[in-house]
Structures are given as structure tokens and as C-alpha cells.
Amino acid sequence: LADLYREGRDRGTRRTGQGASVAASRTIR
């Protein structure tokens, strides 16, 4: 169960980071 919660947290962190990167690139363009 700890593994599943950790995996879910890591996926959320990756999505947040990707979203921030996309937003930054759009701002530059």
C-alpha cells in the first residue's frame, strides 16, 4: 500500500512539473 501511494504521489509530481514546463515554453513562444 505504501508503494501505491508513493507511485501516485510521484506521478502527480511529474505531471505538475511537466505542466509547469509546458506553461513556461508557451510563455516564451
Full PDB file with SEQRES, HELIX, SHEET, SSBOND, CRYST1, ORIGX, SCALE, CONECT and MASTER records, all heavy atoms in Angstrom:
SEQRES   1 A   29  LEU ALA ASP LEU TYR ARG GLU GLY ARG ASP ARG GLY THR          
SEQRES   2 A   29  ARG ARG THR GLY GLN GLY ALA SER VAL ALA ALA SER ARG          
SEQRES   3 A   29  THR ILE ARG                                                  
HELIX    1 AA1 ALA A    2  ILE A   28  1                                  27    
CRYST1    1.000    1.000    1.000  90.00  90.00  90.00 P 1           1          
ORIGX1      1.000000  0.000000  0.000000        0.00000                         
ORIGX2      0.000000  1.000000  0.000000        0.00000                         
ORIGX3      0.000000  0.000000  1.000000        0.00000                         
SCALE1      1.000000  0.000000  0.000000        0.00000                         
SCALE2      0.000000  1.000000  0.000000        0.00000                         
SCALE3      0.000000  0.000000  1.000000        0.00000                         
ATOM      1  N   LEU A   1       0.831  -1.207   0.000  1.00  0.00           N  
ATOM      2  CA  LEU A   1       0.000   0.000   0.000  1.00  0.00           C  
ATOM      3  C   LEU A   1       0.871   1.265   0.000  1.00  0.00           C  
ATOM      4  O   LEU A   1       0.561   2.245  -0.687  1.00  0.00           O  
ATOM      5  CB  LEU A   1      -0.942   0.002   1.201  1.00  0.00           C  
ATOM      6  CG  LEU A   1      -2.010   1.093   1.199  1.00  0.00           C  
ATOM      7  CD1 LEU A   1      -2.805   1.076  -0.093  1.00  0.00           C  
ATOM      8  CD2 LEU A   1      -2.946   0.935   2.394  1.00  0.00           C  
ATOM      9  N   ALA A   2       1.966   1.234   0.748  1.00  0.00           N  
ATOM     10  CA  ALA A   2       2.882   2.379   0.753  1.00  0.00           C  
ATOM     11  C   ALA A   2       3.464   2.610  -0.644  1.00  0.00           C  
ATOM     12  O   ALA A   2       3.614   3.757  -1.090  1.00  0.00           O  
ATOM     13  CB  ALA A   2       3.997   2.155   1.766  1.00  0.00           C  
ATOM     14  N   ASP A   3       3.776   1.524  -1.353  1.00  0.00           N  
ATOM     15  CA  ASP A   3       4.293   1.649  -2.722  1.00  0.00           C  
ATOM     16  C   ASP A   3       3.272   2.329  -3.634  1.00  0.00           C  
ATOM     17  O   ASP A   3       3.625   3.189  -4.453  1.00  0.00           O  
ATOM     18  CB  ASP A   3       4.651   0.274  -3.282  1.00  0.00           C  
ATOM     19  CG  ASP A   3       5.952  -0.282  -2.716  1.00  0.00           C  
ATOM     20  OD1 ASP A   3       6.704   0.506  -2.102  1.00  0.00           O  
ATOM     21  OD2 ASP A   3       6.204  -1.487  -2.884  1.00  0.00           O  
ATOM     22  N   LEU A   4       2.004   1.946  -3.518  1.00  0.00           N  
ATOM     23  CA  LEU A   4       0.971   2.511  -4.383  1.00  0.00           C  
ATOM     24  C   LEU A   4       0.778   4.003  -4.116  1.00  0.00           C  
ATOM     25  O   LEU A   4       0.634   4.801  -5.051  1.00  0.00           O  
ATOM     26  CB  LEU A   4      -0.346   1.754  -4.182  1.00  0.00           C  
ATOM     27  CG  LEU A   4      -0.381   0.356  -4.800  1.00  0.00           C  
ATOM     28  CD1 LEU A   4      -1.617  -0.408  -4.325  1.00  0.00           C  
ATOM     29  CD2 LEU A   4      -0.370   0.435  -6.316  1.00  0.00           C  
ATOM     30  N   TYR A   5       0.774   4.381  -2.838  1.00  0.00           N  
ATOM     31  CA  TYR A   5       0.645   5.811  -2.523  1.00  0.00           C  
ATOM     32  C   TYR A   5       1.869   6.585  -3.016  1.00  0.00           C  
ATOM     33  O   TYR A   5       1.742   7.706  -3.520  1.00  0.00           O  
ATOM     34  CB  TYR A   5       0.450   6.015  -1.025  1.00  0.00           C  
ATOM     35  CG  TYR A   5      -1.006   5.953  -0.611  1.00  0.00           C  
ATOM     36  CD1 TYR A   5      -1.557   4.785  -0.104  1.00  0.00           C  
ATOM     37  CD2 TYR A   5      -1.839   7.063  -0.734  1.00  0.00           C  
ATOM     38  CE1 TYR A   5      -2.895   4.720   0.260  1.00  0.00           C  
ATOM     39  CE2 TYR A   5      -3.176   7.012  -0.368  1.00  0.00           C  
ATOM     40  CZ  TYR A   5      -3.694   5.828   0.133  1.00  0.00           C  
ATOM     41  OH  TYR A   5      -5.021   5.775   0.483  1.00  0.00           O  
ATOM     42  N   ARG A   6       3.045   5.999  -2.867  1.00  0.00           N  
ATOM     43  CA  ARG A   6       4.257   6.673  -3.329  1.00  0.00           C  
ATOM     44  C   ARG A   6       4.252   6.819  -4.854  1.00  0.00           C  
ATOM     45  O   ARG A   6       4.598   7.886  -5.379  1.00  0.00           O  
ATOM     46  CB  ARG A   6       5.496   5.902  -2.884  1.00  0.00           C  
ATOM     47  CG  ARG A   6       6.809   6.581  -3.286  1.00  0.00           C  
ATOM     48  CD  ARG A   6       7.999   5.931  -2.618  1.00  0.00           C  
ATOM     49  NE  ARG A   6       8.056   4.504  -2.858  1.00  0.00           N  
ATOM     50  CZ  ARG A   6       7.776   3.573  -1.939  1.00  0.00           C  
ATOM     51  NH1 ARG A   6       7.422   3.932  -0.718  1.00  0.00           N  
ATOM     52  NH2 ARG A   6       7.847   2.285  -2.235  1.00  0.00           N  
ATOM     53  N   GLU A   7       3.838   5.789  -5.567  1.00  0.00           N  
ATOM     54  CA  GLU A   7       3.762   5.865  -7.019  1.00  0.00           C  
ATOM     55  C   GLU A   7       2.763   6.942  -7.456  1.00  0.00           C  
ATOM     56  O   GLU A   7       3.002   7.691  -8.401  1.00  0.00           O  
ATOM     57  CB  GLU A   7       3.358   4.505  -7.593  1.00  0.00           C  
ATOM     58  CG  GLU A   7       4.434   3.454  -7.468  1.00  0.00           C  
ATOM     59  CD  GLU A   7       3.922   2.071  -7.838  1.00  0.00           C  
ATOM     60  OE1 GLU A   7       2.811   1.985  -8.415  1.00  0.00           O  
ATOM     61  OE2 GLU A   7       4.619   1.076  -7.557  1.00  0.00           O  
ATOM     62  N   GLY A   8       1.625   6.989  -6.763  1.00  0.00           N  
ATOM     63  CA  GLY A   8       0.631   8.010  -7.091  1.00  0.00           C  
ATOM     64  C   GLY A   8       1.161   9.409  -6.856  1.00  0.00           C  
ATOM     65  O   GLY A   8       0.921  10.328  -7.654  1.00  0.00           O  
ATOM     66  N   ARG A   9       1.911   9.600  -5.761  1.00  0.00           N  
ATOM     67  CA  ARG A   9       2.499  10.903  -5.464  1.00  0.00           C  
ATOM     68  C   ARG A   9       3.542  11.272  -6.516  1.00  0.00           C  
ATOM     69  O   ARG A   9       3.603  12.411  -6.978  1.00  0.00           O  
ATOM     70  CB  ARG A   9       3.143  10.877  -4.078  1.00  0.00           C  
ATOM     71  CG  ARG A   9       3.706  12.240  -3.652  1.00  0.00           C  
ATOM     72  CD  ARG A   9       4.370  12.154  -2.298  1.00  0.00           C  
ATOM     73  NE  ARG A   9       5.569  11.331  -2.338  1.00  0.00           N  
ATOM     74  CZ  ARG A   9       5.717  10.185  -1.679  1.00  0.00           C  
ATOM     75  NH1 ARG A   9       4.738   9.714  -0.928  1.00  0.00           N  
ATOM     76  NH2 ARG A   9       6.834   9.481  -1.765  1.00  0.00           N  
ATOM     77  N   ASP A  10       4.355  10.294  -6.909  1.00  0.00           N  
ATOM     78  CA  ASP A  10       5.392  10.572  -7.910  1.00  0.00           C  
ATOM     79  C   ASP A  10       4.775  10.933  -9.255  1.00  0.00           C  
ATOM     80  O   ASP A  10       5.264  11.836  -9.950  1.00  0.00           O  
ATOM     81  CB  ASP A  10       6.315   9.358  -8.062  1.00  0.00           C  
ATOM     82  CG  ASP A  10       7.165   9.119  -6.825  1.00  0.00           C  
ATOM     83  OD1 ASP A  10       7.251  10.039  -5.985  1.00  0.00           O  
ATOM     84  OD2 ASP A  10       7.730   8.009  -6.692  1.00  0.00           O  
ATOM     85  N   ARG A  11       3.692  10.248  -9.631  1.00  0.00           N  
ATOM     86  CA  ARG A  11       3.030  10.588 -10.896  1.00  0.00           C  
ATOM     87  C   ARG A  11       2.479  12.002 -10.850  1.00  0.00           C  
ATOM     88  O   ARG A  11       2.562  12.758 -11.814  1.00  0.00           O  
ATOM     89  CB  ARG A  11       1.909   9.586 -11.191  1.00  0.00           C  
ATOM     90  CG  ARG A  11       2.380   8.245 -11.711  1.00  0.00           C  
ATOM     91  CD  ARG A  11       1.239   7.462 -12.306  1.00  0.00           C  
ATOM     92  NE  ARG A  11       0.209   7.170 -11.318  1.00  0.00           N  
ATOM     93  CZ  ARG A  11       0.202   6.082 -10.552  1.00  0.00           C  
ATOM     94  NH1 ARG A  11       1.172   5.181 -10.664  1.00  0.00           N  
ATOM     95  NH2 ARG A  11      -0.770   5.879  -9.689  1.00  0.00           N  
ATOM     96  N   GLY A  12       1.900  12.367  -9.706  1.00  0.00           N  
ATOM     97  CA  GLY A  12       1.368  13.719  -9.560  1.00  0.00           C  
ATOM     98  C   GLY A  12       2.460  14.762  -9.645  1.00  0.00           C  
ATOM     99  O   GLY A  12       2.287  15.827 -10.257  1.00  0.00           O  
ATOM    100  N   THR A  13       3.616  14.455  -9.060  1.00  0.00           N  
ATOM    101  CA  THR A  13       4.743  15.396  -9.107  1.00  0.00           C  
ATOM    102  C   THR A  13       5.245  15.569 -10.533  1.00  0.00           C  
ATOM    103  O   THR A  13       5.543  16.678 -10.975  1.00  0.00           O  
ATOM    104  CB  THR A  13       5.889  14.893  -8.207  1.00  0.00           C  
ATOM    105  OG1 THR A  13       5.419  14.776  -6.863  1.00  0.00           O  
ATOM    106  CG2 THR A  13       7.066  15.848  -8.248  1.00  0.00           C  
ATOM    107  N   ARG A  14       5.320  14.451 -11.277  1.00  0.00           N  
ATOM    108  CA  ARG A  14       5.774  14.528 -12.665  1.00  0.00           C  
ATOM    109  C   ARG A  14       4.810  15.339 -13.518  1.00  0.00           C  
ATOM    110  O   ARG A  14       5.207  16.151 -14.342  1.00  0.00           O  
ATOM    111  CB  ARG A  14       5.951  13.127 -13.254  1.00  0.00           C  
ATOM    112  CG  ARG A  14       7.176  12.394 -12.737  1.00  0.00           C  
ATOM    113  CD  ARG A  14       7.507  11.219 -13.628  1.00  0.00           C  
ATOM    114  NE  ARG A  14       6.432  10.229 -13.617  1.00  0.00           N  
ATOM    115  CZ  ARG A  14       6.347   9.224 -12.749  1.00  0.00           C  
ATOM    116  NH1 ARG A  14       7.269   9.088 -11.791  1.00  0.00           N  
ATOM    117  NH2 ARG A  14       5.361   8.353 -12.808  1.00  0.00           N  
ATOM    118  N   ARG A  15       3.495  15.114 -13.293  1.00  0.00           N  
ATOM    119  CA  ARG A  15       2.500  15.866 -14.063  1.00  0.00           C  
ATOM    120  C   ARG A  15       2.599  17.358 -13.766  1.00  0.00           C  
ATOM    121  O   ARG A  15       2.503  18.195 -14.657  1.00  0.00           O  
ATOM    122  CB  ARG A  15       1.091  15.357 -13.750  1.00  0.00           C  
ATOM    123  CG  ARG A  15       0.745  14.042 -14.425  1.00  0.00           C  
ATOM    124  CD  ARG A  15      -0.742  13.815 -14.399  1.00  0.00           C  
ATOM    125  NE  ARG A  15      -1.239  13.715 -13.037  1.00  0.00           N  
ATOM    126  CZ  ARG A  15      -1.353  12.578 -12.361  1.00  0.00           C  
ATOM    127  NH1 ARG A  15      -0.992  11.434 -12.933  1.00  0.00           N  
ATOM    128  NH2 ARG A  15      -1.834  12.560 -11.123  1.00  0.00           N  
ATOM    129  N   THR A  16       2.803  17.696 -12.487  1.00  0.00           N  
ATOM    130  CA  THR A  16       2.930  19.103 -12.110  1.00  0.00           C  
ATOM    131  C   THR A  16       4.151  19.738 -12.769  1.00  0.00           C  
ATOM    132  O   THR A  16       4.107  20.848 -13.294  1.00  0.00           O  
ATOM    133  CB  THR A  16       3.032  19.234 -10.585  1.00  0.00           C  
ATOM    134  OG1 THR A  16       1.858  18.672  -9.988  1.00  0.00           O  
ATOM    135  CG2 THR A  16       3.146  20.684 -10.163  1.00  0.00           C  
ATOM    136  N   GLY A  17       5.270  19.007 -12.740  1.00  0.00           N  
ATOM    137  CA  GLY A  17       6.490  19.511 -13.353  1.00  0.00           C  
ATOM    138  C   GLY A  17       6.348  19.675 -14.850  1.00  0.00           C  
ATOM    139  O   GLY A  17       6.788  20.671 -15.434  1.00  0.00           O  
ATOM    140  N   GLN A  18       5.707  18.689 -15.510  1.00  0.00           N  
ATOM    141  CA  GLN A  18       5.512  18.782 -16.955  1.00  0.00           C  
ATOM    142  C   GLN A  18       4.598  19.947 -17.308  1.00  0.00           C  
ATOM    143  O   GLN A  18       4.801  20.658 -18.278  1.00  0.00           O  
ATOM    144  CB  GLN A  18       4.937  17.469 -17.482  1.00  0.00           C  
ATOM    145  CG  GLN A  18       5.927  16.315 -17.415  1.00  0.00           C  
ATOM    146  CD  GLN A  18       5.257  14.965 -17.631  1.00  0.00           C  
ATOM    147  OE1 GLN A  18       4.043  14.895 -17.791  1.00  0.00           O  
ATOM    148  NE2 GLN A  18       6.043  13.909 -17.630  1.00  0.00           N  
ATOM    149  N   GLY A  19       3.546  20.137 -16.462  1.00  0.00           N  
ATOM    150  CA  GLY A  19       2.622  21.238 -16.700  1.00  0.00           C  
ATOM    151  C   GLY A  19       3.314  22.577 -16.586  1.00  0.00           C  
ATOM    152  O   GLY A  19       3.097  23.489 -17.394  1.00  0.00           O  
ATOM    153  N   ALA A  20       4.213  22.709 -15.599  1.00  0.00           N  
ATOM    154  CA  ALA A  20       4.953  23.960 -15.432  1.00  0.00           C  
ATOM    155  C   ALA A  20       5.884  24.205 -16.614  1.00  0.00           C  
ATOM    156  O   ALA A  20       6.032  25.328 -17.096  1.00  0.00           O  
ATOM    157  CB  ALA A  20       5.745  23.925 -14.125  1.00  0.00           C  
ATOM    158  N   SER A  21       6.516  23.127 -17.116  1.00  0.00           N  
ATOM    159  CA  SER A  21       7.428  23.277 -18.251  1.00  0.00           C  
ATOM    160  C   SER A  21       6.675  23.699 -19.502  1.00  0.00           C  
ATOM    161  O   SER A  21       7.123  24.556 -20.266  1.00  0.00           O  
ATOM    162  CB  SER A  21       8.165  21.956 -18.515  1.00  0.00           C  
ATOM    163  OG  SER A  21       8.950  21.615 -17.386  1.00  0.00           O  
ATOM    164  N   VAL A  22       5.516  23.084 -19.730  1.00  0.00           N  
ATOM    165  CA  VAL A  22       4.707  23.436 -20.903  1.00  0.00           C  
ATOM    166  C   VAL A  22       4.253  24.882 -20.816  1.00  0.00           C  
ATOM    167  O   VAL A  22       4.304  25.634 -21.791  1.00  0.00           O  
ATOM    168  CB  VAL A  22       3.499  22.480 -21.021  1.00  0.00           C  
ATOM    169  CG1 VAL A  22       2.526  22.992 -22.087  1.00  0.00           C  
ATOM    170  CG2 VAL A  22       3.961  21.075 -21.351  1.00  0.00           C  
ATOM    171  N   ALA A  23       3.803  25.294 -19.626  1.00  0.00           N  
ATOM    172  CA  ALA A  23       3.347  26.671 -19.452  1.00  0.00           C  
ATOM    173  C   ALA A  23       4.482  27.657 -19.723  1.00  0.00           C  
ATOM    174  O   ALA A  23       4.288  28.698 -20.360  1.00  0.00           O  
ATOM    175  CB  ALA A  23       2.801  26.867 -18.035  1.00  0.00           C  
ATOM    176  N   ALA A  24       5.695  27.327 -19.235  1.00  0.00           N  
ATOM    177  CA  ALA A  24       6.842  28.219 -19.442  1.00  0.00           C  
ATOM    178  C   ALA A  24       7.187  28.321 -20.927  1.00  0.00           C  
ATOM    179  O   ALA A  24       7.463  29.401 -21.452  1.00  0.00           O  
ATOM    180  CB  ALA A  24       8.041  27.717 -18.643  1.00  0.00           C  
ATOM    181  N   SER A  25       7.163  27.176 -21.636  1.00  0.00           N  
ATOM    182  CA  SER A  25       7.506  27.190 -23.055  1.00  0.00           C  
ATOM    183  C   SER A  25       6.484  27.969 -23.860  1.00  0.00           C  
ATOM    184  O   SER A  25       6.826  28.667 -24.813  1.00  0.00           O  
ATOM    185  CB  SER A  25       7.615  25.760 -23.590  1.00  0.00           C  
ATOM    186  OG  SER A  25       6.353  25.109 -23.525  1.00  0.00           O  
ATOM    187  N   ARG A  26       5.213  27.855 -23.464  1.00  0.00           N  
ATOM    188  CA  ARG A  26       4.178  28.615 -24.173  1.00  0.00           C  
ATOM    189  C   ARG A  26       4.368  30.113 -23.957  1.00  0.00           C  
ATOM    190  O   ARG A  26       4.153  30.920 -24.859  1.00  0.00           O  
ATOM    191  CB  ARG A  26       2.795  28.183 -23.679  1.00  0.00           C  
ATOM    192  CG  ARG A  26       2.372  26.814 -24.201  1.00  0.00           C  
ATOM    193  CD  ARG A  26       1.053  26.389 -23.579  1.00  0.00           C  
ATOM    194  NE  ARG A  26       0.634  25.102 -24.118  1.00  0.00           N  
ATOM    195  CZ  ARG A  26      -0.379  24.398 -23.620  1.00  0.00           C  
ATOM    196  NH1 ARG A  26      -1.063  24.870 -22.580  1.00  0.00           N  
ATOM    197  NH2 ARG A  26      -0.715  23.251 -24.159  1.00  0.00           N  
ATOM    198  N   THR A  27       4.776  30.482 -22.751  1.00  0.00           N  
ATOM    199  CA  THR A  27       5.004  31.900 -22.457  1.00  0.00           C  
ATOM    200  C   THR A  27       6.122  32.446 -23.339  1.00  0.00           C  
ATOM    201  O   THR A  27       6.048  33.549 -23.885  1.00  0.00           O  
ATOM    202  CB  THR A  27       5.366  32.085 -20.974  1.00  0.00           C  
ATOM    203  OG1 THR A  27       4.283  31.625 -20.179  1.00  0.00           O  
ATOM    204  CG2 THR A  27       5.625  33.557 -20.659  1.00  0.00           C  
ATOM    205  N   ILE A  28       7.184  31.654 -23.511  1.00  0.00           N  
ATOM    206  CA  ILE A  28       8.321  32.084 -24.327  1.00  0.00           C  
ATOM    207  C   ILE A  28       7.903  32.246 -25.787  1.00  0.00           C  
ATOM    208  O   ILE A  28       8.241  33.214 -26.455  1.00  0.00           O  
ATOM    209  CB  ILE A  28       9.484  31.073 -24.209  1.00  0.00           C  
ATOM    210  CG1 ILE A  28      10.068  31.143 -22.801  1.00  0.00           C  
ATOM    211  CG2 ILE A  28      10.549  31.338 -25.266  1.00  0.00           C  
ATOM    212  CD1 ILE A  28      11.091  30.066 -22.523  1.00  0.00           C  
ATOM    213  N   ARG A  29       7.088  31.260 -26.285  1.00  0.00           N  
ATOM    214  CA  ARG A  29       6.675  31.340 -27.684  1.00  0.00           C  
ATOM    215  C   ARG A  29       5.743  32.515 -27.937  1.00  0.00           C  
ATOM    216  O   ARG A  29       5.761  33.124 -28.996  1.00  0.00           O  
ATOM    217  CB  ARG A  29       5.992  30.031 -28.089  1.00  0.00           C  
ATOM    218  CG  ARG A  29       6.942  28.866 -28.281  1.00  0.00           C  
ATOM    219  CD  ARG A  29       6.267  27.755 -29.043  1.00  0.00           C  
ATOM    220  NE  ARG A  29       5.125  27.212 -28.301  1.00  0.00           N  
ATOM    221  CZ  ARG A  29       5.202  26.183 -27.460  1.00  0.00           C  
ATOM    222  NH1 ARG A  29       6.380  25.620 -27.227  1.00  0.00           N  
ATOM    223  NH2 ARG A  29       4.137  25.743 -26.855  1.00  0.00           N  
TER     224      ARG A  29                                                      
MASTER        0    0    0    1    0    0    0    6  223    1    0    3          
END                                                                             
